[in-house]
Amino acid sequence: MINCVVIEDDFAWKTKILAMLDALDIAVQGVATDVASGVELLQKVSPDIVIADVMLGKERVFDIYASDPAFCKLPTVFVTQSDTEIDYKNAKKVLNHLYIVKPVHKLTLKSAIDNLCKIKLPKAVNDGLTIKGKFNQKVVVPFEKIIYINQVQHYCNIYTQQQHFTIKKSLVNVIKDLDDRFMQVHRSYCINKAFIENFSVGLENIKVKGVEIPIGNSFKDALKELIGEEFSVK
């Protein structure tokens, strides 16, 4: 699956683009509406492609790329109402880009994305949890960033270091979409083993990234086995 970041300040066009990406089965890692939030977002995630408007209020999206040379290496589709020569020339500072003047059709966007991402091979395995974002777009939360998952009633809370997602799904069903780096330690908790810091002596709880999580009795044997293989009780 292709991961994407959207940078667009116009609400109507943002909604249209997110709908197009959802229909094309492209996961949106985040949405920014100005230069500051765009820089912050691209510092946190590494998208396969960026869909960006040129005009962000009184700002220009090119200031995002000027802030960090690494951003200029990100494949970018500029979808904009600007048809000026200067904006077109500034877009060329991004090494791998296409410039499309609005309005844009879904198939035009698909063609642009396919062209910019054609050298990328599809991933052999799933490496993230796909959920719905607040704009109903697909969002992929990388497994390596998930610290733990907690079920509260009919919802699951997914915690990373920077973000917190809530989805209407049972922990049992969420676990089906995870890989073997995760381990259920309680009927309401599942953890990423990479973030384990220590255990209590009696195995009443486990600490992951500074968070104390209870251990259910039925999960203690599996944890003892894990401790014997990789950890020591502290």
Protein backbone atom coordinates (compact mmCIF):
# COMPACT_ATOMS: atom_id res chain seq x y z
CA MET A 1 0.00 0.00 0.00
CA ILE A 2 1.21 3.51 -0.84
CA ASN A 3 1.47 5.92 2.12
CA CYS A 4 0.67 9.56 1.48
CA VAL A 5 0.70 12.97 3.17
CA VAL A 6 -1.77 15.66 2.10
CA ILE A 7 -0.95 19.37 2.39
CA GLU A 8 -4.06 21.39 1.57
CA ASP A 9 -5.72 24.36 3.32
CA ASP A 10 -8.94 24.54 1.31
CA PHE A 11 -11.55 22.44 3.15
CA ALA A 12 -13.55 21.52 0.04
CA TRP A 13 -10.50 20.39 -1.92
CA LYS A 14 -9.03 18.62 1.09
CA THR A 15 -12.24 16.62 1.41
CA LYS A 16 -12.24 15.81 -2.33
CA ILE A 17 -8.60 14.71 -2.37
CA LEU A 18 -9.03 12.52 0.72
CA ALA A 19 -12.07 10.89 -0.89
CA MET A 20 -10.09 10.23 -4.08
CA LEU A 21 -7.19 8.71 -2.14
CA ASP A 22 -9.57 6.52 -0.16
CA ALA A 23 -11.15 5.28 -3.41
CA LEU A 24 -7.66 4.55 -4.76
CA ASP A 25 -6.81 2.57 -1.60
CA ILE A 26 -3.96 4.93 -0.69
CA ALA A 27 -3.27 5.37 3.03
CA VAL A 28 -3.06 8.93 4.36
CA GLN A 29 -0.51 9.29 7.16
CA GLY A 30 -1.52 12.85 7.96
CA VAL A 31 -2.95 16.15 6.74
CA ALA A 32 -1.35 19.60 7.07
CA THR A 33 -2.93 22.96 6.27
CA ASP A 34 -0.01 25.39 6.51
CA VAL A 35 3.80 25.54 6.31
CA ALA A 36 4.42 25.01 10.03
CA SER A 37 2.16 21.95 10.33
CA GLY A 38 3.55 20.61 7.04
CA VAL A 39 7.13 20.74 8.30
CA GLU A 40 6.12 19.14 11.61
CA LEU A 41 4.23 16.34 9.86
CA LEU A 42 7.03 15.49 7.42
CA GLN A 43 9.50 15.37 10.30
CA LYS A 44 7.35 12.69 11.96
CA VAL A 45 6.45 10.45 9.01
CA SER A 46 8.13 9.20 5.84
CA PRO A 47 5.45 9.06 3.13
CA ASP A 48 5.87 7.42 -0.24
CA ILE A 49 4.31 10.50 -1.84
CA VAL A 50 3.02 13.98 -0.97
CA ILE A 51 -0.10 15.58 -2.44
CA ALA A 52 0.30 19.33 -1.95
CA ASP A 53 -1.43 22.56 -2.85
CA VAL A 54 0.98 25.35 -3.81
CA MET A 55 -0.99 28.14 -2.15
CA LEU A 56 -1.58 27.78 1.59
CA GLY A 57 -3.35 31.00 2.48
CA LYS A 58 -0.70 33.71 2.13
CA GLU A 59 2.08 31.09 2.27
CA ARG A 60 3.64 28.94 -0.43
CA VAL A 61 4.19 25.23 0.07
CA PHE A 62 7.73 25.58 -1.24
CA ASP A 63 8.78 26.97 2.15
CA ILE A 64 8.21 23.49 3.54
CA TYR A 65 10.68 22.00 1.09
CA ALA A 66 13.18 24.82 1.66
CA SER A 67 13.22 24.04 5.39
CA ASP A 68 14.89 20.65 4.90
CA PRO A 69 16.73 19.41 1.78
CA ALA A 70 15.52 15.87 2.53
CA PHE A 71 11.94 16.95 1.80
CA CYS A 72 12.93 17.77 -1.80
CA LYS A 73 13.53 14.05 -2.34
CA LEU A 74 9.90 13.20 -1.55
CA PRO A 75 7.82 12.43 -4.67
CA THR A 76 5.19 15.18 -4.80
CA VAL A 77 2.06 15.85 -6.82
CA PHE A 78 1.31 19.57 -6.75
CA VAL A 79 -2.48 19.96 -7.16
CA THR A 80 -3.16 23.68 -7.32
CA GLN A 81 -5.12 26.54 -8.80
CA SER A 82 -1.89 28.43 -9.43
CA ASP A 83 -0.97 28.53 -13.11
CA THR A 84 1.86 31.07 -12.75
CA GLU A 85 5.25 30.45 -14.30
CA ILE A 86 7.10 31.23 -11.06
CA ASP A 87 5.21 28.59 -9.07
CA TYR A 88 5.77 26.08 -11.84
CA LYS A 89 9.52 26.81 -11.76
CA ASN A 90 9.67 26.60 -7.96
CA ALA A 91 8.04 23.18 -8.12
CA LYS A 92 11.06 21.94 -10.06
CA LYS A 93 13.15 22.24 -6.90
CA VAL A 94 11.42 19.03 -5.83
CA LEU A 95 13.37 16.33 -7.63
CA ASN A 96 10.48 13.98 -8.39
CA HIS A 97 7.24 15.88 -8.96
CA LEU A 98 4.24 16.49 -11.19
CA TYR A 99 2.32 19.76 -11.44
CA ILE A 100 -1.46 19.55 -11.96
CA VAL A 101 -3.78 22.56 -12.18
CA LYS A 102 -7.20 22.17 -10.49
CA PRO A 103 -9.79 20.88 -11.09
CA VAL A 104 -8.39 17.35 -11.11
CA HIS A 105 -10.13 14.03 -11.78
CA LYS A 106 -9.52 10.92 -9.71
CA LEU A 107 -7.91 9.09 -12.63
CA THR A 108 -5.60 12.04 -13.32
CA LEU A 109 -4.45 11.89 -9.69
CA LYS A 110 -4.06 8.11 -9.91
CA SER A 111 -1.93 8.43 -13.05
CA ALA A 112 0.29 11.03 -11.37
CA ILE A 113 0.76 8.89 -8.26
CA ASP A 114 1.43 5.75 -10.33
CA ASN A 115 4.06 7.59 -12.37
CA LEU A 116 5.88 8.97 -9.33
CA CYS A 117 5.73 5.71 -7.39
CA LYS A 118 6.37 3.30 -10.25
CA ILE A 119 9.89 2.50 -9.08
CA LYS A 120 8.60 1.39 -5.66
CA LEU A 121 7.91 -2.30 -5.27
CA PRO A 122 4.88 -3.38 -3.27
CA LYS A 123 5.68 -4.41 0.28
CA ALA A 124 5.71 -8.14 0.80
CA VAL A 125 4.09 -8.00 4.23
CA ASN A 126 1.78 -5.70 6.09
CA ASP A 127 3.84 -3.40 8.33
CA GLY A 128 1.14 -1.25 9.85
CA LEU A 129 -2.35 -1.14 11.30
CA THR A 130 -4.83 0.40 8.85
CA ILE A 131 -7.56 2.49 10.49
CA LYS A 132 -9.93 5.30 9.56
CA GLY A 133 -8.78 8.88 10.22
CA LYS A 134 -10.96 11.74 11.40
CA PHE A 135 -11.75 12.63 7.77
CA ASN A 136 -12.72 8.98 7.13
CA GLN A 137 -9.52 8.45 5.14
CA LYS A 138 -7.29 5.39 5.45
CA VAL A 139 -4.44 5.88 7.92
CA VAL A 140 -1.63 3.38 8.43
CA VAL A 141 -0.10 3.35 11.92
CA PRO A 142 3.32 1.64 11.58
CA PHE A 143 3.72 -1.38 13.86
CA GLU A 144 7.13 -0.14 14.96
CA LYS A 145 5.54 3.00 16.44
CA ILE A 146 2.68 1.35 18.33
CA ILE A 147 3.58 1.06 22.05
CA TYR A 148 0.42 -0.59 23.33
CA ILE A 149 -3.29 -1.04 22.65
CA ASN A 150 -6.01 -0.85 25.28
CA GLN A 151 -9.66 -1.87 24.90
CA VAL A 152 -12.28 0.19 26.75
CA GLN A 153 -15.79 -1.17 26.26
CA HIS A 154 -16.37 -1.47 22.49
CA TYR A 155 -13.36 0.68 21.47
CA CYS A 156 -9.62 0.18 21.22
CA ASN A 157 -7.12 2.95 21.97
CA ILE A 158 -3.87 2.72 20.01
CA TYR A 159 -0.94 4.56 21.56
CA THR A 160 2.25 5.73 19.85
CA GLN A 161 4.76 8.18 21.28
CA GLN A 162 3.24 11.14 19.41
CA GLN A 163 -0.36 10.13 18.76
CA HIS A 164 -3.42 8.36 20.13
CA PHE A 165 -6.01 6.73 17.87
CA THR A 166 -9.41 5.32 18.83
CA ILE A 167 -11.23 2.74 16.73
CA LYS A 168 -14.51 0.90 17.21
CA LYS A 169 -13.14 -2.62 17.25
CA SER A 170 -12.50 -5.30 19.86
CA LEU A 171 -8.96 -6.10 20.98
CA VAL A 172 -9.42 -9.69 19.79
CA ASN A 173 -10.07 -8.47 16.25
CA VAL A 174 -7.30 -5.86 16.33
CA ILE A 175 -4.77 -8.52 17.36
CA LYS A 176 -5.62 -10.48 14.20
CA ASP A 177 -4.12 -7.59 12.18
CA LEU A 178 -0.86 -7.40 14.21
CA ASP A 179 2.39 -9.31 13.73
CA ASP A 180 4.54 -11.30 16.17
CA ARG A 181 6.20 -8.26 17.74
CA PHE A 182 2.98 -7.81 19.75
CA MET A 183 1.86 -9.75 22.80
CA GLN A 184 -1.42 -9.73 24.73
CA VAL A 185 -0.77 -9.40 28.47
CA HIS A 186 -4.29 -8.78 29.74
CA ARG A 187 -7.80 -9.21 28.39
CA SER A 188 -7.80 -5.44 27.72
CA TYR A 189 -4.13 -4.82 26.83
CA CYS A 190 -1.72 -5.75 24.08
CA ILE A 191 1.87 -4.47 24.03
CA ASN A 192 4.73 -4.09 21.58
CA LYS A 193 7.53 -6.22 23.05
CA ALA A 194 10.15 -3.81 21.70
CA PHE A 195 9.05 -1.17 24.23
CA ILE A 196 9.22 -3.35 27.35
CA GLU A 197 11.30 -1.70 30.08
CA ASN A 198 10.75 -3.97 33.10
CA PHE A 199 8.36 -6.21 35.05
CA SER A 200 7.22 -6.15 38.63
CA VAL A 201 8.72 -8.96 40.73
CA GLY A 202 5.39 -10.77 41.09
CA LEU A 203 4.42 -10.15 37.46
CA GLU A 204 1.45 -8.02 38.49
CA ASN A 205 2.34 -5.40 35.88
CA ILE A 206 4.70 -4.59 33.06
CA LYS A 207 6.20 -1.23 32.11
CA VAL A 208 6.31 -0.13 28.46
CA LYS A 209 7.70 3.31 27.68
CA GLY A 210 7.03 4.49 31.23
CA VAL A 211 3.43 3.20 31.31
CA GLU A 212 2.45 0.57 33.90
CA ILE A 213 0.16 -2.06 32.36
CA PRO A 214 -1.57 -4.83 34.33
CA ILE A 215 -0.81 -8.47 33.62
CA GLY A 216 -3.69 -10.95 33.56
CA ASN A 217 -3.21 -14.30 35.30
CA SER A 218 -3.89 -16.28 32.12
CA PHE A 219 -1.04 -14.47 30.33
CA LYS A 220 1.66 -14.91 33.00
CA ASP A 221 3.02 -18.23 31.70
CA ALA A 222 3.69 -16.76 28.26
CA LEU A 223 5.38 -13.78 29.90
CA LYS A 224 7.56 -16.04 32.07
CA GLU A 225 8.69 -17.79 28.91
CA LEU A 226 9.47 -14.43 27.32
CA ILE A 227 11.40 -13.36 30.42
CA GLY A 228 13.44 -16.54 30.29
CA GLU A 229 14.34 -15.97 26.67
CA GLU A 230 15.00 -12.22 26.52
CA PHE A 231 14.48 -10.38 29.82
CA SER A 232 15.25 -10.46 33.50
CA VAL A 233 12.82 -9.51 36.24
CA LYS A 234 13.70 -6.21 37.95
